[in-house]
Amino acid sequence: MHYPLLMLHLLGLRLTDQFRQALDAKAEDAERGSVTIEQVAWAAAVIAIVAIAVAAIKAYVTSQVGRL
């Protein structure tokens, strides 16, 4: 009867320790993993450029197929 209780207690201690380590790591570098507006703007610009390129290629191919 003591073994399952002991295992549950040790599991709780391990989870508590991991949780505290995660909180300490987050407190050390508060801006770690944050996305800035500049990064979002660059991503949007790249997506727009790719979309324009795909549309241009698709229009060119469609016009060439029409000539056949």
N, C-alpha and C. Protein backbone atom coordinates (compact mmCIF):
# COMPACT_ATOMS: atom_id res chain seq x y z
N MET A 1 0.82 -1.19 0.00
CA MET A 1 0.00 0.00 0.00
C MET A 1 0.86 1.25 0.00
N HIS A 2 2.04 1.16 0.59
CA HIS A 2 2.90 2.34 0.66
C HIS A 2 3.57 2.65 -0.67
N TYR A 3 3.82 1.62 -1.48
CA TYR A 3 4.53 1.83 -2.74
C TYR A 3 3.78 2.77 -3.69
N PRO A 4 2.48 2.57 -3.96
CA PRO A 4 1.79 3.50 -4.87
C PRO A 4 1.77 4.94 -4.33
N LEU A 5 1.61 5.10 -3.05
CA LEU A 5 1.60 6.44 -2.48
C LEU A 5 2.97 7.10 -2.60
N LEU A 6 4.01 6.30 -2.40
CA LEU A 6 5.37 6.81 -2.54
C LEU A 6 5.63 7.24 -3.99
N MET A 7 5.19 6.43 -4.95
CA MET A 7 5.39 6.78 -6.36
C MET A 7 4.61 8.05 -6.73
N LEU A 8 3.40 8.19 -6.25
CA LEU A 8 2.63 9.40 -6.52
C LEU A 8 3.29 10.63 -5.91
N HIS A 9 3.83 10.47 -4.71
CA HIS A 9 4.51 11.59 -4.06
C HIS A 9 5.76 11.99 -4.85
N LEU A 10 6.55 11.00 -5.29
CA LEU A 10 7.75 11.30 -6.07
C LEU A 10 7.39 11.94 -7.41
N LEU A 11 6.31 11.47 -8.03
CA LEU A 11 5.87 12.08 -9.28
C LEU A 11 5.48 13.54 -9.06
N GLY A 12 4.78 13.81 -7.99
CA GLY A 12 4.40 15.19 -7.67
C GLY A 12 5.62 16.06 -7.43
N LEU A 13 6.61 15.54 -6.73
CA LEU A 13 7.84 16.30 -6.49
C LEU A 13 8.57 16.59 -7.80
N ARG A 14 8.63 15.59 -8.67
CA ARG A 14 9.32 15.78 -9.95
C ARG A 14 8.60 16.83 -10.81
N LEU A 15 7.28 16.75 -10.87
CA LEU A 15 6.52 17.72 -11.66
C LEU A 15 6.65 19.13 -11.09
N THR A 16 6.64 19.23 -9.76
CA THR A 16 6.80 20.54 -9.13
C THR A 16 8.18 21.12 -9.45
N ASP A 17 9.20 20.28 -9.41
CA ASP A 17 10.55 20.75 -9.72
C ASP A 17 10.66 21.21 -11.18
N GLN A 18 10.09 20.45 -12.10
CA GLN A 18 10.13 20.84 -13.50
C GLN A 18 9.36 22.14 -13.72
N PHE A 19 8.24 22.31 -13.05
CA PHE A 19 7.45 23.52 -13.17
C PHE A 19 8.23 24.73 -12.66
N ARG A 20 8.91 24.56 -11.54
CA ARG A 20 9.71 25.66 -11.00
C ARG A 20 10.87 26.01 -11.91
N GLN A 21 11.51 25.00 -12.50
CA GLN A 21 12.60 25.26 -13.44
C GLN A 21 12.10 26.02 -14.66
N ALA A 22 10.92 25.65 -15.15
CA ALA A 22 10.36 26.35 -16.31
C ALA A 22 10.04 27.80 -15.95
N LEU A 23 9.50 28.04 -14.78
CA LEU A 23 9.21 29.41 -14.36
C LEU A 23 10.48 30.23 -14.19
N ASP A 24 11.52 29.62 -13.63
CA ASP A 24 12.79 30.32 -13.47
C ASP A 24 13.41 30.66 -14.82
N ALA A 25 13.33 29.74 -15.78
CA ALA A 25 13.88 29.99 -17.11
C ALA A 25 13.11 31.12 -17.79
N LYS A 26 11.82 31.16 -17.60
CA LYS A 26 11.01 32.21 -18.21
C LYS A 26 11.31 33.56 -17.56
N ALA A 27 11.54 33.57 -16.27
CA ALA A 27 11.82 34.82 -15.57
C ALA A 27 13.19 35.38 -15.97
N GLU A 28 14.14 34.51 -16.32
CA GLU A 28 15.47 34.98 -16.70
C GLU A 28 15.42 35.77 -18.00
N ASP A 29 14.67 35.30 -18.97
CA ASP A 29 14.61 35.95 -20.28
C ASP A 29 13.16 36.16 -20.64
N ALA A 30 12.62 37.29 -20.21
CA ALA A 30 11.19 37.55 -20.37
C ALA A 30 10.80 37.73 -21.83
N GLU A 31 11.73 38.16 -22.69
CA GLU A 31 11.39 38.42 -24.08
C GLU A 31 11.74 37.26 -24.99
N ARG A 32 12.15 36.16 -24.43
CA ARG A 32 12.50 34.99 -25.23
C ARG A 32 11.26 34.44 -25.91
N GLY A 33 11.33 34.29 -27.22
CA GLY A 33 10.23 33.73 -27.97
C GLY A 33 9.18 34.74 -28.40
N SER A 34 9.38 36.01 -28.10
CA SER A 34 8.39 37.00 -28.48
C SER A 34 8.55 37.36 -29.96
N VAL A 35 7.44 37.62 -30.60
CA VAL A 35 7.45 38.00 -32.02
C VAL A 35 7.17 39.50 -32.09
N THR A 36 8.04 40.20 -32.79
CA THR A 36 7.85 41.64 -32.89
C THR A 36 7.01 41.97 -34.13
N ILE A 37 6.52 43.16 -34.16
CA ILE A 37 5.73 43.63 -35.29
C ILE A 37 6.58 43.61 -36.57
N GLU A 38 7.87 43.93 -36.42
CA GLU A 38 8.75 43.93 -37.58
C GLU A 38 8.83 42.54 -38.22
N GLN A 39 8.95 41.51 -37.41
CA GLN A 39 9.01 40.15 -37.94
C GLN A 39 7.71 39.77 -38.62
N VAL A 40 6.59 40.18 -38.08
CA VAL A 40 5.30 39.89 -38.69
C VAL A 40 5.17 40.62 -40.02
N ALA A 41 5.63 41.87 -40.07
CA ALA A 41 5.57 42.65 -41.31
C ALA A 41 6.45 42.02 -42.39
N TRP A 42 7.64 41.55 -42.03
CA TRP A 42 8.52 40.90 -43.02
C TRP A 42 7.88 39.61 -43.52
N ALA A 43 7.28 38.86 -42.64
CA ALA A 43 6.63 37.61 -43.05
C ALA A 43 5.48 37.91 -44.01
N ALA A 44 4.70 38.93 -43.72
CA ALA A 44 3.59 39.31 -44.60
C ALA A 44 4.11 39.77 -45.95
N ALA A 45 5.21 40.51 -45.97
CA ALA A 45 5.79 40.97 -47.23
C ALA A 45 6.29 39.80 -48.07
N VAL A 46 6.94 38.84 -47.44
CA VAL A 46 7.44 37.67 -48.18
C VAL A 46 6.27 36.88 -48.75
N ILE A 47 5.22 36.71 -47.97
CA ILE A 47 4.04 35.98 -48.45
C ILE A 47 3.41 36.72 -49.63
N ALA A 48 3.34 38.04 -49.56
CA ALA A 48 2.78 38.83 -50.67
C ALA A 48 3.62 38.69 -51.92
N ILE A 49 4.94 38.75 -51.79
CA ILE A 49 5.83 38.62 -52.95
C ILE A 49 5.68 37.25 -53.59
N VAL A 50 5.61 36.22 -52.79
CA VAL A 50 5.44 34.86 -53.32
C VAL A 50 4.09 34.74 -54.02
N ALA A 51 3.04 35.31 -53.44
CA ALA A 51 1.72 35.25 -54.06
C ALA A 51 1.72 35.96 -55.41
N ILE A 52 2.40 37.11 -55.51
CA ILE A 52 2.49 37.84 -56.78
C ILE A 52 3.26 37.02 -57.81
N ALA A 53 4.35 36.41 -57.39
CA ALA A 53 5.15 35.60 -58.31
C ALA A 53 4.34 34.40 -58.81
N VAL A 54 3.62 33.75 -57.94
CA VAL A 54 2.80 32.60 -58.35
C VAL A 54 1.71 33.04 -59.31
N ALA A 55 1.08 34.18 -59.04
CA ALA A 55 0.03 34.68 -59.94
C ALA A 55 0.61 35.03 -61.31
N ALA A 56 1.80 35.63 -61.34
CA ALA A 56 2.42 35.99 -62.62
C ALA A 56 2.78 34.75 -63.42
N ILE A 57 3.35 33.75 -62.76
CA ILE A 57 3.71 32.51 -63.46
C ILE A 57 2.46 31.80 -63.97
N LYS A 58 1.43 31.77 -63.16
CA LYS A 58 0.18 31.11 -63.56
C LYS A 58 -0.44 31.83 -64.76
N ALA A 59 -0.42 33.16 -64.77
CA ALA A 59 -0.97 33.92 -65.89
C ALA A 59 -0.14 33.67 -67.16
N TYR A 60 1.17 33.63 -67.03
CA TYR A 60 2.03 33.37 -68.19
C TYR A 60 1.76 31.99 -68.78
N VAL A 61 1.71 30.99 -67.91
CA VAL A 61 1.47 29.62 -68.37
C VAL A 61 0.09 29.51 -69.01
N THR A 62 -0.90 30.15 -68.43
CA THR A 62 -2.25 30.10 -68.98
C THR A 62 -2.28 30.76 -70.36
N SER A 63 -1.58 31.87 -70.53
CA SER A 63 -1.56 32.54 -71.84
C SER A 63 -0.82 31.70 -72.88
N GLN A 64 0.23 31.02 -72.47
CA GLN A 64 0.97 30.16 -73.40
C GLN A 64 0.16 28.94 -73.81
N VAL A 65 -0.63 28.40 -72.91
CA VAL A 65 -1.48 27.27 -73.24
C VAL A 65 -2.57 27.71 -74.22
N GLY A 66 -3.04 28.93 -74.09
CA GLY A 66 -4.06 29.46 -75.00
C GLY A 66 -3.54 29.59 -76.42
N ARG A 67 -2.26 29.76 -76.61
CA ARG A 67 -1.68 29.89 -77.95
C ARG A 67 -1.64 28.55 -78.69
N LEU A 68 -1.62 27.48 -77.93
CA LEU A 68 -1.54 26.16 -78.58
C LEU A 68 -2.83 25.88 -79.20
